[in-house]
Amino acid sequence: MGSSRAHSFFDLVGAKCRAHGVRVS
């Protein structure tokens, strides 16, 4: 584990969740 791609993917998902008002830990 240690892929920048995975990090970016989660970052994008987190941003979308934030837009919806969902908090992800």
Protein backbone atom coordinates (compact mmCIF):
# COMPACT_ATOMS: atom_id res chain seq x y z
CA MET A 1 0.00 0.00 0.00
CA GLY A 2 1.26 3.45 -0.84
CA SER A 3 -0.28 4.45 -4.13
CA SER A 4 -0.76 8.11 -4.95
CA ARG A 5 -3.59 7.06 -7.22
CA ALA A 6 -5.56 5.53 -4.36
CA HIS A 7 -4.96 8.66 -2.31
CA SER A 8 -6.27 10.84 -5.13
CA PHE A 9 -9.30 8.60 -5.54
CA PHE A 10 -10.19 8.85 -1.87
CA ASP A 11 -9.50 12.57 -1.96
CA LEU A 12 -12.00 13.00 -4.79
CA VAL A 13 -14.58 10.84 -3.05
CA GLY A 14 -14.07 12.78 0.18
CA ALA A 15 -14.57 16.06 -1.67
CA LYS A 16 -17.84 14.80 -3.15
CA CYS A 17 -19.03 13.58 0.24
CA ARG A 18 -18.16 16.98 1.69
CA ALA A 19 -20.20 18.69 -0.98
CA HIS A 20 -23.14 16.53 0.06
CA GLY A 21 -22.48 17.25 3.72
CA VAL A 22 -21.30 13.76 4.60
CA ARG A 23 -18.36 13.35 6.91
CA VAL A 24 -15.87 10.55 6.25
CA SER A 25 -13.25 9.62 8.77
